[in-house]
Amino acid sequence: MKNQKGFSLIELLIVVAIIGIIAAIAIPSLIRARAAANQSAAIGTLRSIGSAEATYMAGSRNVPGELADLIAGNHIDTTLTDGATRNSYLLGQDVADPLWLFTAAPNGLTSGDNSYGISQDFVVRELPGTTPPGNLAGTPIG
């Protein structure tokens, strides 16, 4: 019995404890990184919608289009509907001639802390909090 090979229970417990400590350090950083990536994706989605709106308005004598109009004209992806969740952000729209507003509000643990919106000036704006910006009085992005 002296030549048995393997690990003792103490050695296994030490390895499990080390893995637990490493995970406790790494997981919060991974969550923050994912939230930052989702925020960037939400901003990119709003910029795409803004570009599609500009293209749509150029072809319709400056009449703003809703997301359904942009989808029907093949200007944006079919998954970008009003109320859809994309990258943990809830998409919304408020289109009233001559004004239009598209928003992305946080909708999950990894979505970040800010809402974003784009309107007729084609500038993506950030508003702290989880409420979509109603009048886009927030901070311009990039």
C-alpha atoms as a PDB file:
ATOM      1  CA  MET A   1       0.000   0.000   0.000  1.00  0.00           C
ATOM      2  CA  LYS A   2       2.985   2.353   0.264  1.00  0.00           C
ATOM      3  CA  ASN A   3       3.218   2.840  -3.519  1.00  0.00           C
ATOM      4  CA  GLN A   4      -0.280   4.270  -4.047  1.00  0.00           C
ATOM      5  CA  LYS A   5      -0.317   7.212  -6.420  1.00  0.00           C
ATOM      6  CA  GLY A   6      -2.823  10.083  -6.307  1.00  0.00           C
ATOM      7  CA  PHE A   7      -3.689  13.249  -4.438  1.00  0.00           C
ATOM      8  CA  SER A   8      -4.657  13.543  -0.821  1.00  0.00           C
ATOM      9  CA  LEU A   9      -7.852  15.289   0.238  1.00  0.00           C
ATOM     10  CA  ILE A  10      -5.872  18.239   1.623  1.00  0.00           C
ATOM     11  CA  GLU A  11      -4.093  18.770  -1.707  1.00  0.00           C
ATOM     12  CA  LEU A  12      -7.395  18.746  -3.600  1.00  0.00           C
ATOM     13  CA  LEU A  13      -8.958  21.215  -1.144  1.00  0.00           C
ATOM     14  CA  ILE A  14      -6.005  23.589  -1.566  1.00  0.00           C
ATOM     15  CA  VAL A  15      -6.341  23.486  -5.364  1.00  0.00           C
ATOM     16  CA  VAL A  16     -10.102  24.116  -5.154  1.00  0.00           C
ATOM     17  CA  ALA A  17      -9.503  27.045  -2.775  1.00  0.00           C
ATOM     18  CA  ILE A  18      -6.938  28.589  -5.132  1.00  0.00           C
ATOM     19  CA  ILE A  19      -9.327  28.256  -8.085  1.00  0.00           C
ATOM     20  CA  GLY A  20     -12.073  29.876  -6.000  1.00  0.00           C
ATOM     21  CA  ILE A  21      -9.864  32.838  -5.114  1.00  0.00           C
ATOM     22  CA  ILE A  22      -8.849  33.355  -8.744  1.00  0.00           C
ATOM     23  CA  ALA A  23     -12.510  33.197  -9.842  1.00  0.00           C
ATOM     24  CA  ALA A  24     -13.543  35.713  -7.152  1.00  0.00           C
ATOM     25  CA  ILE A  25     -10.966  38.142  -8.495  1.00  0.00           C
ATOM     26  CA  ALA A  26     -11.662  37.581 -12.208  1.00  0.00           C
ATOM     27  CA  ILE A  27     -15.472  37.425 -12.400  1.00  0.00           C
ATOM     28  CA  PRO A  28     -16.200  41.095 -11.506  1.00  0.00           C
ATOM     29  CA  SER A  29     -13.683  42.222 -14.135  1.00  0.00           C
ATOM     30  CA  LEU A  30     -15.326  40.002 -16.732  1.00  0.00           C
ATOM     31  CA  ILE A  31     -18.773  41.403 -15.897  1.00  0.00           C
ATOM     32  CA  ARG A  32     -17.476  44.990 -16.249  1.00  0.00           C
ATOM     33  CA  ALA A  33     -15.835  44.122 -19.574  1.00  0.00           C
ATOM     34  CA  ARG A  34     -19.046  42.560 -20.872  1.00  0.00           C
ATOM     35  CA  ALA A  35     -21.083  45.612 -19.777  1.00  0.00           C
ATOM     36  CA  ALA A  36     -18.640  47.904 -21.603  1.00  0.00           C
ATOM     37  CA  ALA A  37     -18.908  45.757 -24.728  1.00  0.00           C
ATOM     38  CA  ASN A  38     -22.720  45.815 -24.566  1.00  0.00           C
ATOM     39  CA  GLN A  39     -22.700  49.620 -24.154  1.00  0.00           C
ATOM     40  CA  SER A  40     -20.490  49.954 -27.223  1.00  0.00           C
ATOM     41  CA  ALA A  41     -22.770  47.626 -29.162  1.00  0.00           C
ATOM     42  CA  ALA A  42     -25.839  49.688 -28.159  1.00  0.00           C
ATOM     43  CA  ILE A  43     -24.149  52.873 -29.348  1.00  0.00           C
ATOM     44  CA  GLY A  44     -23.186  51.176 -32.615  1.00  0.00           C
ATOM     45  CA  THR A  45     -26.743  49.942 -33.105  1.00  0.00           C
ATOM     46  CA  LEU A  46     -28.123  53.457 -32.620  1.00  0.00           C
ATOM     47  CA  ARG A  47     -25.586  54.850 -35.091  1.00  0.00           C
ATOM     48  CA  SER A  48     -26.696  52.227 -37.631  1.00  0.00           C
ATOM     49  CA  ILE A  49     -30.327  53.153 -37.063  1.00  0.00           C
ATOM     50  CA  GLY A  50     -29.443  56.845 -37.448  1.00  0.00           C
ATOM     51  CA  SER A  51     -27.692  56.164 -40.753  1.00  0.00           C
ATOM     52  CA  ALA A  52     -30.640  54.104 -41.947  1.00  0.00           C
ATOM     53  CA  GLU A  53     -33.003  56.921 -40.946  1.00  0.00           C
ATOM     54  CA  ALA A  54     -30.930  59.438 -42.934  1.00  0.00           C
ATOM     55  CA  THR A  55     -31.055  57.169 -45.983  1.00  0.00           C
ATOM     56  CA  TYR A  56     -34.794  56.635 -45.573  1.00  0.00           C
ATOM     57  CA  MET A  57     -35.478  60.358 -45.164  1.00  0.00           C
ATOM     58  CA  ALA A  58     -33.401  61.175 -48.256  1.00  0.00           C
ATOM     59  CA  GLY A  59     -35.670  58.948 -50.301  1.00  0.00           C
ATOM     60  CA  SER A  60     -38.939  60.075 -48.713  1.00  0.00           C
ATOM     61  CA  ARG A  61     -38.640  63.891 -48.851  1.00  0.00           C
ATOM     62  CA  ASN A  62     -37.484  64.212 -45.225  1.00  0.00           C
ATOM     63  CA  VAL A  63     -40.384  62.244 -43.769  1.00  0.00           C
ATOM     64  CA  PRO A  64     -39.027  60.211 -40.843  1.00  0.00           C
ATOM     65  CA  GLY A  65     -39.577  56.492 -40.843  1.00  0.00           C
ATOM     66  CA  GLU A  66     -40.337  54.085 -38.045  1.00  0.00           C
ATOM     67  CA  LEU A  67     -38.248  50.979 -37.431  1.00  0.00           C
ATOM     68  CA  ALA A  68     -40.781  48.956 -39.421  1.00  0.00           C
ATOM     69  CA  ASP A  69     -40.285  51.299 -42.408  1.00  0.00           C
ATOM     70  CA  LEU A  70     -36.512  50.979 -42.145  1.00  0.00           C
ATOM     71  CA  ILE A  71     -36.801  47.188 -42.035  1.00  0.00           C
ATOM     72  CA  ALA A  72     -39.223  47.115 -44.984  1.00  0.00           C
ATOM     73  CA  GLY A  73     -36.803  49.226 -47.019  1.00  0.00           C
ATOM     74  CA  ASN A  74     -33.921  46.862 -46.146  1.00  0.00           C
ATOM     75  CA  HIS A  75     -32.071  49.658 -44.384  1.00  0.00           C
ATOM     76  CA  ILE A  76     -31.602  47.772 -41.075  1.00  0.00           C
ATOM     77  CA  ASP A  77     -31.646  44.216 -39.767  1.00  0.00           C
ATOM     78  CA  THR A  78     -35.049  42.631 -39.177  1.00  0.00           C
ATOM     79  CA  THR A  79     -34.238  42.021 -35.491  1.00  0.00           C
ATOM     80  CA  LEU A  80     -34.160  45.765 -34.705  1.00  0.00           C
ATOM     81  CA  THR A  81     -37.837  46.182 -33.888  1.00  0.00           C
ATOM     82  CA  ASP A  82     -39.442  48.465 -31.306  1.00  0.00           C
ATOM     83  CA  GLY A  83     -39.241  46.738 -27.923  1.00  0.00           C
ATOM     84  CA  ALA A  84     -36.584  44.256 -29.038  1.00  0.00           C
ATOM     85  CA  THR A  85     -33.645  43.465 -26.767  1.00  0.00           C
ATOM     86  CA  ARG A  86     -30.243  43.642 -28.378  1.00  0.00           C
ATOM     87  CA  ASN A  87     -27.011  43.132 -26.390  1.00  0.00           C
ATOM     88  CA  SER A  88     -28.934  43.562 -23.111  1.00  0.00           C
ATOM     89  CA  TYR A  89     -30.410  46.895 -24.244  1.00  0.00           C
ATOM     90  CA  LEU A  90     -34.096  47.498 -24.920  1.00  0.00           C
ATOM     91  CA  LEU A  91     -34.679  49.377 -28.182  1.00  0.00           C
ATOM     92  CA  GLY A  92     -37.436  51.955 -28.432  1.00  0.00           C
ATOM     93  CA  GLN A  93     -38.707  54.588 -30.844  1.00  0.00           C
ATOM     94  CA  ASP A  94     -40.707  57.795 -30.837  1.00  0.00           C
ATOM     95  CA  VAL A  95     -41.356  59.000 -34.361  1.00  0.00           C
ATOM     96  CA  ALA A  96     -43.491  62.094 -34.864  1.00  0.00           C
ATOM     97  CA  ASP A  97     -43.019  64.271 -37.937  1.00  0.00           C
ATOM     98  CA  PRO A  98     -40.705  66.210 -38.104  1.00  0.00           C
ATOM     99  CA  LEU A  99     -39.012  64.782 -35.007  1.00  0.00           C
ATOM    100  CA  TRP A 100     -37.803  61.256 -34.378  1.00  0.00           C
ATOM    101  CA  LEU A 101     -36.019  59.546 -31.503  1.00  0.00           C
ATOM    102  CA  PHE A 102     -34.577  56.043 -31.128  1.00  0.00           C
ATOM    103  CA  THR A 103     -33.391  54.860 -27.708  1.00  0.00           C
ATOM    104  CA  ALA A 104     -31.524  51.990 -26.073  1.00  0.00           C
ATOM    105  CA  ALA A 105     -32.201  51.455 -22.358  1.00  0.00           C
ATOM    106  CA  PRO A 106     -30.363  48.991 -20.086  1.00  0.00           C
ATOM    107  CA  ASN A 107     -32.233  45.717 -19.723  1.00  0.00           C
ATOM    108  CA  GLY A 108     -30.069  43.324 -17.757  1.00  0.00           C
ATOM    109  CA  LEU A 109     -27.160  42.761 -15.423  1.00  0.00           C
ATOM    110  CA  THR A 110     -24.534  43.147 -18.137  1.00  0.00           C
ATOM    111  CA  SER A 111     -26.051  46.109 -19.958  1.00  0.00           C
ATOM    112  CA  GLY A 112     -24.331  48.939 -18.119  1.00  0.00           C
ATOM    113  CA  ASP A 113     -25.661  51.970 -16.276  1.00  0.00           C
ATOM    114  CA  ASN A 114     -26.599  54.425 -19.010  1.00  0.00           C
ATOM    115  CA  SER A 115     -29.323  54.884 -21.588  1.00  0.00           C
ATOM    116  CA  TYR A 116     -28.566  56.130 -25.079  1.00  0.00           C
ATOM    117  CA  GLY A 117     -30.556  57.845 -27.785  1.00  0.00           C
ATOM    118  CA  ILE A 118     -30.246  59.346 -31.250  1.00  0.00           C
ATOM    119  CA  SER A 119     -32.479  61.989 -32.786  1.00  0.00           C
ATOM    120  CA  GLN A 120     -32.760  64.342 -35.742  1.00  0.00           C
ATOM    121  CA  ASP A 121     -29.290  65.825 -35.163  1.00  0.00           C
ATOM    122  CA  PHE A 122     -27.826  62.302 -35.721  1.00  0.00           C
ATOM    123  CA  VAL A 123     -25.751  62.532 -32.517  1.00  0.00           C
ATOM    124  CA  VAL A 124     -25.832  59.632 -30.070  1.00  0.00           C
ATOM    125  CA  ARG A 125     -26.317  60.966 -26.549  1.00  0.00           C
ATOM    126  CA  GLU A 126     -25.849  59.353 -23.151  1.00  0.00           C
ATOM    127  CA  LEU A 127     -28.070  59.874 -20.122  1.00  0.00           C
ATOM    128  CA  PRO A 128     -27.062  58.386 -16.750  1.00  0.00           C
ATOM    129  CA  GLY A 129     -29.637  56.036 -15.302  1.00  0.00           C
ATOM    130  CA  THR A 130     -31.888  53.398 -16.728  1.00  0.00           C
ATOM    131  CA  THR A 131     -34.588  55.675 -18.144  1.00  0.00           C
ATOM    132  CA  PRO A 132     -34.390  56.306 -21.895  1.00  0.00           C
ATOM    133  CA  PRO A 133     -33.639  59.941 -22.694  1.00  0.00           C
ATOM    134  CA  GLY A 134     -36.882  61.691 -23.597  1.00  0.00           C
ATOM    135  CA  ASN A 135     -35.498  64.933 -24.938  1.00  0.00           C
ATOM    136  CA  LEU A 136     -31.893  63.841 -25.467  1.00  0.00           C
ATOM    137  CA  ALA A 137     -30.444  66.535 -23.231  1.00  0.00           C
ATOM    138  CA  GLY A 138     -27.653  64.135 -22.315  1.00  0.00           C
ATOM    139  CA  THR A 139     -23.968  64.083 -23.116  1.00  0.00           C
ATOM    140  CA  PRO A 140     -22.979  63.569 -26.785  1.00  0.00           C
ATOM    141  CA  ILE A 141     -20.974  60.404 -27.463  1.00  0.00           C
ATOM    142  CA  GLY A 142     -17.869  60.596 -29.660  1.00  0.00           C
END
